[in-house]
Amino acid sequence: MDLVTIIFYIFAAVIVISAAVVVFSKNIMYSAFSLLFTFFGVAAVYVLLNADFLALTQILIYIGGILVLIIFGVMLTTKITGVDIKTGITGKFQVGLTAFLAAVFFIVLAIMYSKVQWNVKSAKPLQDTITPIGHSLLTDYILAFEAASVVLLIAIIGAVMIARRKKS
């Protein structure tokens, strides 16, 4: 087993464990901070796959934008940081059914994994993917890129107008 495979398994374990904490934690702040580790782990897997653009996008958009927004939303909402989350699954039947379906799904995935003949190719040398994507966005797809930015700007202005109207 080489070093890259060991690093992959470490990041896969980080992703699975932190995602489990996100799902099973009763404290919303623990869930939000565990989501941070999940996003970082996914970005690290993208780096291992030589997908540097996706890794940077993962860090900038999900960690830098969405997760910070979630954490600020939770922290600025009054009396929510100490509140336990109610999952709604109270009956033993629902928990048992969910565990049974998860086990069946895991068994089906394990059978599919064992039956597939994996065509493993040697790793390609590292190549820059950000420059060609940036070049394409700013030359071939500039109209769609700018249209998306204008639509997002309009959405932000609309959200601010709605928030100001409801406040006063």
N, C-alpha and C. Protein backbone atom coordinates (compact mmCIF):
# COMPACT_ATOMS: atom_id res chain seq x y z
N MET A 1 0.85 -1.18 0.00
CA MET A 1 0.00 0.00 0.00
C MET A 1 0.90 1.24 0.00
N ASP A 2 0.67 2.14 -0.95
CA ASP A 2 1.51 3.31 -1.05
C ASP A 2 0.97 4.46 -0.19
N LEU A 3 1.72 5.54 -0.13
CA LEU A 3 1.40 6.66 0.74
C LEU A 3 0.09 7.34 0.33
N VAL A 4 -0.17 7.47 -0.96
CA VAL A 4 -1.39 8.12 -1.42
C VAL A 4 -2.62 7.34 -0.99
N THR A 5 -2.55 6.02 -1.04
CA THR A 5 -3.68 5.20 -0.61
C THR A 5 -3.93 5.35 0.89
N ILE A 6 -2.87 5.40 1.67
CA ILE A 6 -3.02 5.59 3.11
C ILE A 6 -3.64 6.95 3.42
N ILE A 7 -3.17 7.97 2.73
CA ILE A 7 -3.73 9.31 2.91
C ILE A 7 -5.20 9.34 2.51
N PHE A 8 -5.54 8.65 1.42
CA PHE A 8 -6.95 8.59 1.00
C PHE A 8 -7.81 7.95 2.09
N TYR A 9 -7.35 6.84 2.66
CA TYR A 9 -8.14 6.17 3.69
C TYR A 9 -8.27 7.04 4.94
N ILE A 10 -7.25 7.80 5.25
CA ILE A 10 -7.35 8.71 6.40
C ILE A 10 -8.41 9.77 6.14
N PHE A 11 -8.38 10.38 4.96
CA PHE A 11 -9.38 11.40 4.65
C PHE A 11 -10.77 10.80 4.49
N ALA A 12 -10.88 9.59 3.98
CA ALA A 12 -12.18 8.93 3.89
C ALA A 12 -12.75 8.69 5.28
N ALA A 13 -11.90 8.28 6.22
CA ALA A 13 -12.36 8.08 7.60
C ALA A 13 -12.79 9.41 8.22
N VAL A 14 -12.05 10.48 7.95
CA VAL A 14 -12.43 11.80 8.47
C VAL A 14 -13.79 12.21 7.92
N ILE A 15 -14.01 11.98 6.63
CA ILE A 15 -15.28 12.34 6.00
C ILE A 15 -16.42 11.55 6.62
N VAL A 16 -16.27 10.25 6.74
CA VAL A 16 -17.35 9.41 7.25
C VAL A 16 -17.65 9.72 8.72
N ILE A 17 -16.61 9.86 9.53
CA ILE A 17 -16.82 10.12 10.96
C ILE A 17 -17.44 11.50 11.18
N SER A 18 -16.92 12.51 10.49
CA SER A 18 -17.49 13.85 10.69
C SER A 18 -18.90 13.96 10.11
N ALA A 19 -19.18 13.25 9.03
CA ALA A 19 -20.55 13.25 8.50
C ALA A 19 -21.50 12.54 9.47
N ALA A 20 -21.02 11.49 10.13
CA ALA A 20 -21.84 10.82 11.13
C ALA A 20 -22.13 11.75 12.31
N VAL A 21 -21.13 12.55 12.71
CA VAL A 21 -21.36 13.51 13.78
C VAL A 21 -22.37 14.56 13.35
N VAL A 22 -22.31 14.98 12.09
CA VAL A 22 -23.29 15.95 11.57
C VAL A 22 -24.70 15.38 11.69
N VAL A 23 -24.86 14.13 11.33
CA VAL A 23 -26.19 13.53 11.30
C VAL A 23 -26.69 13.18 12.70
N PHE A 24 -25.83 12.63 13.54
CA PHE A 24 -26.28 12.09 14.81
C PHE A 24 -26.13 13.04 15.99
N SER A 25 -25.49 14.17 15.83
CA SER A 25 -25.30 15.10 16.94
C SER A 25 -26.62 15.78 17.28
N LYS A 26 -26.85 15.96 18.56
CA LYS A 26 -28.06 16.65 18.99
C LYS A 26 -27.83 18.15 19.17
N ASN A 27 -26.56 18.57 19.15
CA ASN A 27 -26.23 19.98 19.28
C ASN A 27 -25.96 20.53 17.88
N ILE A 28 -26.65 21.60 17.52
CA ILE A 28 -26.55 22.13 16.17
C ILE A 28 -25.18 22.75 15.90
N MET A 29 -24.52 23.27 16.94
CA MET A 29 -23.18 23.82 16.73
C MET A 29 -22.16 22.73 16.44
N TYR A 30 -22.29 21.59 17.13
CA TYR A 30 -21.40 20.46 16.84
C TYR A 30 -21.62 19.97 15.41
N SER A 31 -22.87 19.97 14.98
CA SER A 31 -23.15 19.55 13.60
C SER A 31 -22.53 20.50 12.59
N ALA A 32 -22.62 21.79 12.85
CA ALA A 32 -22.08 22.78 11.92
C ALA A 32 -20.56 22.68 11.85
N PHE A 33 -19.89 22.53 12.99
CA PHE A 33 -18.43 22.43 12.96
C PHE A 33 -17.96 21.09 12.41
N SER A 34 -18.74 20.05 12.59
CA SER A 34 -18.38 18.76 11.98
C SER A 34 -18.53 18.82 10.47
N LEU A 35 -19.48 19.62 10.01
CA LEU A 35 -19.63 19.81 8.57
C LEU A 35 -18.39 20.45 7.97
N LEU A 36 -17.70 21.28 8.74
CA LEU A 36 -16.44 21.87 8.30
C LEU A 36 -15.41 20.79 7.98
N PHE A 37 -15.26 19.81 8.88
CA PHE A 37 -14.31 18.73 8.63
C PHE A 37 -14.73 17.86 7.45
N THR A 38 -16.03 17.69 7.28
CA THR A 38 -16.51 16.92 6.13
C THR A 38 -16.14 17.62 4.82
N PHE A 39 -16.36 18.93 4.76
CA PHE A 39 -16.03 19.67 3.55
C PHE A 39 -14.53 19.68 3.29
N PHE A 40 -13.72 19.83 4.34
CA PHE A 40 -12.27 19.78 4.16
C PHE A 40 -11.81 18.41 3.67
N GLY A 41 -12.41 17.36 4.18
CA GLY A 41 -12.06 16.02 3.72
C GLY A 41 -12.39 15.80 2.26
N VAL A 42 -13.54 16.30 1.84
CA VAL A 42 -13.92 16.18 0.42
C VAL A 42 -12.96 16.97 -0.45
N ALA A 43 -12.57 18.15 0.00
CA ALA A 43 -11.59 18.94 -0.76
C ALA A 43 -10.26 18.20 -0.85
N ALA A 44 -9.85 17.53 0.21
CA ALA A 44 -8.60 16.77 0.19
C ALA A 44 -8.68 15.59 -0.78
N VAL A 45 -9.83 14.95 -0.85
CA VAL A 45 -10.01 13.85 -1.82
C VAL A 45 -9.93 14.40 -3.24
N TYR A 46 -10.49 15.58 -3.47
CA TYR A 46 -10.37 16.20 -4.80
C TYR A 46 -8.91 16.46 -5.14
N VAL A 47 -8.13 16.89 -4.16
CA VAL A 47 -6.71 17.11 -4.40
C VAL A 47 -6.02 15.80 -4.77
N LEU A 48 -6.37 14.73 -4.07
CA LEU A 48 -5.78 13.42 -4.39
C LEU A 48 -6.17 12.93 -5.78
N LEU A 49 -7.31 13.39 -6.28
CA LEU A 49 -7.75 13.01 -7.63
C LEU A 49 -7.22 13.96 -8.71
N ASN A 50 -6.33 14.86 -8.34
CA ASN A 50 -5.77 15.86 -9.25
C ASN A 50 -6.83 16.80 -9.81
N ALA A 51 -7.86 17.05 -9.04
CA ALA A 51 -8.92 17.98 -9.44
C ALA A 51 -8.77 19.25 -8.61
N ASP A 52 -7.74 20.02 -8.91
CA ASP A 52 -7.44 21.20 -8.10
C ASP A 52 -8.52 22.27 -8.19
N PHE A 53 -9.16 22.41 -9.34
CA PHE A 53 -10.23 23.40 -9.47
C PHE A 53 -11.41 23.04 -8.57
N LEU A 54 -11.80 21.76 -8.56
CA LEU A 54 -12.90 21.35 -7.69
C LEU A 54 -12.53 21.49 -6.21
N ALA A 55 -11.28 21.23 -5.87
CA ALA A 55 -10.84 21.37 -4.48
C ALA A 55 -10.93 22.84 -4.05
N LEU A 56 -10.45 23.74 -4.89
CA LEU A 56 -10.53 25.17 -4.56
C LEU A 56 -11.97 25.65 -4.52
N THR A 57 -12.79 25.16 -5.43
CA THR A 57 -14.20 25.51 -5.43
C THR A 57 -14.87 25.01 -4.15
N GLN A 58 -14.54 23.80 -3.75
CA GLN A 58 -15.08 23.24 -2.51
C GLN A 58 -14.71 24.11 -1.31
N ILE A 59 -13.48 24.53 -1.25
CA ILE A 59 -13.04 25.35 -0.12
C ILE A 59 -13.67 26.73 -0.17
N LEU A 60 -13.65 27.38 -1.33
CA LEU A 60 -14.16 28.75 -1.42
C LEU A 60 -15.67 28.83 -1.25
N ILE A 61 -16.40 27.96 -1.94
CA ILE A 61 -17.86 28.07 -1.92
C ILE A 61 -18.47 27.40 -0.70
N TYR A 62 -18.12 26.15 -0.46
CA TYR A 62 -18.78 25.44 0.63
C TYR A 62 -18.26 25.86 1.99
N ILE A 63 -16.95 25.91 2.16
CA ILE A 63 -16.42 26.28 3.47
C ILE A 63 -16.48 27.78 3.66
N GLY A 64 -16.03 28.51 2.64
CA GLY A 64 -15.96 29.96 2.78
C GLY A 64 -17.30 30.65 2.73
N GLY A 65 -18.25 30.07 2.06
CA GLY A 65 -19.54 30.74 1.93
C GLY A 65 -20.65 30.08 2.71
N ILE A 66 -20.98 28.89 2.34
CA ILE A 66 -22.16 28.24 2.90
C ILE A 66 -21.97 27.90 4.37
N LEU A 67 -20.84 27.30 4.72
CA LEU A 67 -20.64 26.90 6.11
C LEU A 67 -20.55 28.11 7.03
N VAL A 68 -19.86 29.15 6.60
CA VAL A 68 -19.78 30.37 7.41
C VAL A 68 -21.17 30.97 7.58
N LEU A 69 -21.97 30.95 6.53
CA LEU A 69 -23.33 31.44 6.61
C LEU A 69 -24.16 30.63 7.60
N ILE A 70 -24.01 29.31 7.58
CA ILE A 70 -24.73 28.45 8.53
C ILE A 70 -24.30 28.76 9.95
N ILE A 71 -22.99 28.85 10.17
CA ILE A 71 -22.51 29.09 11.53
C ILE A 71 -22.95 30.46 12.03
N PHE A 72 -22.85 31.50 11.20
CA PHE A 72 -23.31 32.81 11.63
C PHE A 72 -24.82 32.82 11.84
N GLY A 73 -25.55 32.12 10.99
CA GLY A 73 -27.00 32.04 11.18
C GLY A 73 -27.37 31.38 12.48
N VAL A 74 -26.66 30.34 12.84
CA VAL A 74 -26.93 29.65 14.11
C VAL A 74 -26.51 30.53 15.28
N MET A 75 -25.34 31.17 15.17
CA MET A 75 -24.84 31.97 16.29
C MET A 75 -25.67 33.24 16.50
N LEU A 76 -26.18 33.82 15.43
CA LEU A 76 -26.94 35.06 15.57
C LEU A 76 -28.41 34.83 15.89
N THR A 77 -28.87 33.61 15.73
CA THR A 77 -30.25 33.31 16.10
C THR A 77 -30.29 33.15 17.62
N THR A 78 -31.18 33.86 18.24
CA THR A 78 -31.20 33.85 19.70
C THR A 78 -31.73 32.53 20.25
N LYS A 79 -31.09 32.07 21.28
CA LYS A 79 -31.50 30.90 22.05
C LYS A 79 -31.54 29.61 21.24
N ILE A 80 -30.71 29.48 20.19
CA ILE A 80 -30.70 28.24 19.43
C ILE A 80 -29.42 27.44 19.65
N THR A 81 -28.36 28.09 20.15
CA THR A 81 -27.09 27.38 20.27
C THR A 81 -27.13 26.28 21.31
N GLY A 82 -27.93 26.41 22.35
CA GLY A 82 -27.99 25.38 23.37
C GLY A 82 -29.15 24.42 23.20
N VAL A 83 -29.93 24.57 22.15
CA VAL A 83 -31.12 23.75 21.94
C VAL A 83 -30.72 22.41 21.34
N ASP A 84 -31.29 21.35 21.88
CA ASP A 84 -31.07 20.02 21.31
C ASP A 84 -31.99 19.82 20.12
N ILE A 85 -31.49 19.12 19.12
CA ILE A 85 -32.26 18.87 17.91
C ILE A 85 -33.13 17.65 18.12
N LYS A 86 -34.40 17.77 17.80
CA LYS A 86 -35.31 16.63 17.89
C LYS A 86 -35.35 15.96 16.52
N THR A 87 -35.04 14.68 16.48
CA THR A 87 -34.94 14.00 15.20
C THR A 87 -36.28 13.54 14.67
N GLY A 88 -37.24 13.33 15.50
CA GLY A 88 -38.54 12.87 15.02
C GLY A 88 -38.65 11.37 14.97
N ILE A 89 -37.53 10.66 15.02
CA ILE A 89 -37.57 9.20 15.01
C ILE A 89 -37.63 8.76 16.47
N THR A 90 -38.82 8.45 16.93
CA THR A 90 -38.98 8.10 18.33
C THR A 90 -39.33 6.63 18.51
N GLY A 91 -40.02 6.07 17.57
CA GLY A 91 -40.47 4.70 17.73
C GLY A 91 -39.38 3.69 17.39
N LYS A 92 -39.43 2.54 18.09
CA LYS A 92 -38.46 1.48 17.83
C LYS A 92 -38.64 0.90 16.43
N PHE A 93 -39.87 0.92 15.93
CA PHE A 93 -40.13 0.40 14.59
C PHE A 93 -39.41 1.24 13.54
N GLN A 94 -39.47 2.56 13.68
CA GLN A 94 -38.83 3.44 12.70
C GLN A 94 -37.31 3.28 12.73
N VAL A 95 -36.74 3.17 13.92
CA VAL A 95 -35.29 2.99 14.03
C VAL A 95 -34.89 1.64 13.47
N GLY A 96 -35.64 0.61 13.77
CA GLY A 96 -35.35 -0.73 13.26
C GLY A 96 -35.48 -0.79 11.75
N LEU A 97 -36.53 -0.18 11.20
CA LEU A 97 -36.72 -0.16 9.76
C LEU A 97 -35.59 0.58 9.07
N THR A 98 -35.19 1.70 9.64
CA THR A 98 -34.09 2.47 9.06
C THR A 98 -32.78 1.68 9.10
N ALA A 99 -32.51 1.03 10.22
CA ALA A 99 -31.29 0.22 10.33
C ALA A 99 -31.32 -0.95 9.35
N PHE A 100 -32.48 -1.57 9.18
CA PHE A 100 -32.62 -2.68 8.23
C PHE A 100 -32.37 -2.20 6.80
N LEU A 101 -32.97 -1.08 6.42
CA LEU A 101 -32.78 -0.56 5.07
C LEU A 101 -31.33 -0.14 4.83
N ALA A 102 -30.68 0.43 5.84
CA ALA A 102 -29.27 0.80 5.70
C ALA A 102 -28.41 -0.45 5.52
N ALA A 103 -28.72 -1.51 6.27
CA ALA A 103 -27.96 -2.75 6.14
C ALA A 103 -28.15 -3.38 4.76
N VAL A 104 -29.38 -3.37 4.27
CA VAL A 104 -29.65 -3.91 2.92
C VAL A 104 -28.91 -3.09 1.88
N PHE A 105 -28.93 -1.79 2.00
CA PHE A 105 -28.23 -0.92 1.06
C PHE A 105 -26.72 -1.18 1.09
N PHE A 106 -26.16 -1.35 2.30
CA PHE A 106 -24.74 -1.64 2.43
C PHE A 106 -24.40 -2.99 1.79
N ILE A 107 -25.22 -3.99 1.99
CA ILE A 107 -24.98 -5.32 1.41
C ILE A 107 -25.05 -5.26 -0.11
N VAL A 108 -26.02 -4.54 -0.64
CA VAL A 108 -26.14 -4.40 -2.10
C VAL A 108 -24.90 -3.69 -2.67
N LEU A 109 -24.45 -2.64 -2.00
CA LEU A 109 -23.24 -1.95 -2.45
C LEU A 109 -22.01 -2.84 -2.37
N ALA A 110 -21.90 -3.64 -1.31
CA ALA A 110 -20.76 -4.54 -1.17
C ALA A 110 -20.77 -5.61 -2.26
N ILE A 111 -21.93 -6.13 -2.60
CA ILE A 111 -22.03 -7.13 -3.68
C ILE A 111 -21.67 -6.49 -5.01
N MET A 112 -22.18 -5.29 -5.26
CA MET A 112 -21.85 -4.60 -6.51
C MET A 112 -20.35 -4.32 -6.59
N TYR A 113 -19.75 -3.92 -5.48
CA TYR A 113 -18.33 -3.62 -5.46
C TYR A 113 -17.50 -4.87 -5.75
N SER A 114 -17.92 -5.99 -5.23
CA SER A 114 -17.14 -7.22 -5.43
C SER A 114 -17.31 -7.79 -6.84
N LYS A 115 -18.41 -7.50 -7.51
CA LYS A 115 -18.66 -8.06 -8.84
C LYS A 115 -18.06 -7.24 -9.98
N VAL A 116 -17.78 -5.97 -9.73
CA VAL A 116 -17.28 -5.09 -10.78
C VAL A 116 -15.79 -5.36 -11.00
N GLN A 117 -15.40 -5.44 -12.26
CA GLN A 117 -13.99 -5.57 -12.58
C GLN A 117 -13.43 -4.16 -12.77
N TRP A 118 -12.63 -3.75 -11.82
CA TRP A 118 -12.11 -2.40 -11.81
C TRP A 118 -10.94 -2.29 -12.77
N ASN A 119 -11.01 -1.34 -13.68
CA ASN A 119 -9.96 -1.10 -14.64
C ASN A 119 -9.07 0.02 -14.10
N VAL A 120 -8.04 -0.37 -13.38
CA VAL A 120 -7.17 0.61 -12.73
C VAL A 120 -6.05 0.99 -13.68
N LYS A 121 -5.95 2.28 -13.92
CA LYS A 121 -4.90 2.79 -14.80
C LYS A 121 -3.85 3.48 -13.94
N SER A 122 -2.68 3.62 -14.50
CA SER A 122 -1.63 4.32 -13.75
C SER A 122 -1.98 5.80 -13.66
N ALA A 123 -1.50 6.41 -12.62
CA ALA A 123 -1.81 7.82 -12.36
C ALA A 123 -1.17 8.71 -13.41
N LYS A 124 -1.93 9.70 -13.85
CA LYS A 124 -1.41 10.67 -14.80
C LYS A 124 -0.54 11.68 -14.05
N PRO A 125 0.43 12.25 -14.72
CA PRO A 125 1.21 13.29 -14.04
C PRO A 125 0.33 14.51 -13.74
N LEU A 126 0.71 15.26 -12.74
CA LEU A 126 -0.06 16.42 -12.34
C LEU A 126 -0.10 17.43 -13.48
N GLN A 127 -1.30 17.94 -13.71
CA GLN A 127 -1.44 18.96 -14.73
C GLN A 127 -2.36 20.06 -14.21
N ASP A 128 -2.16 21.24 -14.71
CA ASP A 128 -2.93 22.40 -14.28
C ASP A 128 -4.30 22.35 -14.94
N THR A 129 -5.35 22.40 -14.12
CA THR A 129 -6.71 22.44 -14.67
C THR A 129 -7.36 23.80 -14.46
N ILE A 130 -6.82 24.61 -13.58
CA ILE A 130 -7.45 25.89 -13.29
C ILE A 130 -7.29 26.87 -14.45
N THR A 131 -6.12 26.89 -15.05
CA THR A 131 -5.87 27.83 -16.15
C THR A 131 -6.79 27.58 -17.35
N PRO A 132 -6.93 26.34 -17.84
CA PRO A 132 -7.86 26.15 -18.98
C PRO A 132 -9.31 26.46 -18.63
N ILE A 133 -9.73 26.13 -17.41
CA ILE A 133 -11.12 26.43 -17.02
C ILE A 133 -11.32 27.94 -16.93
N GLY A 134 -10.37 28.64 -16.31
CA GLY A 134 -10.48 30.09 -16.23
C GLY A 134 -10.44 30.75 -17.60
N HIS A 135 -9.60 30.24 -18.48
CA HIS A 135 -9.54 30.77 -19.84
C HIS A 135 -10.86 30.56 -20.56
N SER A 136 -11.45 29.39 -20.41
CA SER A 136 -12.74 29.11 -21.06
C SER A 136 -13.84 30.00 -20.50
N LEU A 137 -13.84 30.18 -19.18
CA LEU A 137 -14.89 31.02 -18.58
C LEU A 137 -14.79 32.47 -19.03
N LEU A 138 -13.58 32.95 -19.25
CA LEU A 138 -13.43 34.36 -19.59
C LEU A 138 -13.29 34.61 -21.09
N THR A 139 -13.39 33.58 -21.90
CA THR A 139 -13.38 33.79 -23.36
C THR A 139 -14.61 33.17 -24.01
N ASP A 140 -14.72 31.87 -23.98
CA ASP A 140 -15.80 31.18 -24.69
C ASP A 140 -17.16 31.34 -23.99
N TYR A 141 -17.16 31.33 -22.66
CA TYR A 141 -18.42 31.35 -21.91
C TYR A 141 -18.59 32.63 -21.11
N ILE A 142 -18.05 33.73 -21.59
CA ILE A 142 -18.10 34.99 -20.85
C ILE A 142 -19.53 35.50 -20.70
N LEU A 143 -20.38 35.30 -21.70
CA LEU A 143 -21.76 35.79 -21.63
C LEU A 143 -22.53 35.04 -20.54
N ALA A 144 -22.40 33.72 -20.51
CA ALA A 144 -23.09 32.93 -19.48
C ALA A 144 -22.52 33.24 -18.09
N PHE A 145 -21.22 33.44 -18.00
CA PHE A 145 -20.57 33.76 -16.73
C PHE A 145 -21.08 35.09 -16.19
N GLU A 146 -21.13 36.09 -17.03
CA GLU A 146 -21.61 37.41 -16.61
C GLU A 146 -23.11 37.39 -16.34
N ALA A 147 -23.87 36.62 -17.10
CA ALA A 147 -25.32 36.53 -16.85
C ALA A 147 -25.58 35.90 -15.48
N ALA A 148 -24.82 34.88 -15.15
CA ALA A 148 -24.97 34.25 -13.83
C ALA A 148 -24.61 35.24 -12.72
N SER A 149 -23.58 36.04 -12.93
CA SER A 149 -23.21 37.01 -11.89
C SER A 149 -24.27 38.09 -11.73
N VAL A 150 -24.90 38.51 -12.82
CA VAL A 150 -25.96 39.51 -12.73
C VAL A 150 -27.19 38.93 -12.03
N VAL A 151 -27.53 37.68 -12.34
CA VAL A 151 -28.67 37.04 -11.68
C VAL A 151 -28.41 36.90 -10.17
N LEU A 152 -27.20 36.53 -9.80
CA LEU A 152 -26.87 36.43 -8.37
C LEU A 152 -26.91 37.79 -7.69
N LEU A 153 -26.45 38.83 -8.38
CA LEU A 153 -26.50 40.17 -7.82
C LEU A 153 -27.95 40.61 -7.61
N ILE A 154 -28.81 40.32 -8.58
CA ILE A 154 -30.24 40.66 -8.44
C ILE A 154 -30.86 39.90 -7.27
N ALA A 155 -30.48 38.64 -7.11
CA ALA A 155 -31.01 37.85 -5.99
C ALA A 155 -30.57 38.43 -4.65
N ILE A 156 -29.33 38.86 -4.55
CA ILE A 156 -28.84 39.46 -3.30
C ILE A 156 -29.57 40.77 -3.00
N ILE A 157 -29.74 41.60 -4.02
CA ILE A 157 -30.45 42.87 -3.82
C ILE A 157 -31.90 42.61 -3.41
N GLY A 158 -32.53 41.63 -4.05
CA GLY A 158 -33.90 41.27 -3.68
C GLY A 158 -34.01 40.77 -2.25
N ALA A 159 -33.05 39.96 -1.83
CA ALA A 159 -33.07 39.45 -0.45
C ALA A 159 -32.89 40.59 0.55
N VAL A 160 -32.02 41.54 0.24
CA VAL A 160 -31.82 42.68 1.13
C VAL A 160 -33.09 43.52 1.19
N MET A 161 -33.74 43.76 0.06
CA MET A 161 -34.97 44.54 0.04
C MET A 161 -36.07 43.87 0.84
N ILE A 162 -36.20 42.55 0.71
CA ILE A 162 -37.24 41.83 1.46
C ILE A 162 -36.93 41.88 2.96
N ALA A 163 -35.65 41.72 3.32
CA ALA A 163 -35.27 41.74 4.73
C ALA A 163 -35.50 43.13 5.33
N ARG A 164 -35.22 44.17 4.60
CA ARG A 164 -35.42 45.53 5.12
C ARG A 164 -36.90 45.84 5.26
N ARG A 165 -37.71 45.34 4.33
CA ARG A 165 -39.14 45.60 4.39
C ARG A 165 -39.77 44.89 5.58
N LYS A 166 -39.36 43.65 5.87
CA LYS A 166 -39.92 42.91 6.98
C LYS A 166 -39.46 43.47 8.33
N LYS A 167 -38.27 44.05 8.36
CA LYS A 167 -37.72 44.56 9.62
C LYS A 167 -38.47 45.80 10.10
N SER A 168 -38.81 46.68 9.20
CA SER A 168 -39.45 47.93 9.61
C SER A 168 -40.95 47.86 9.61
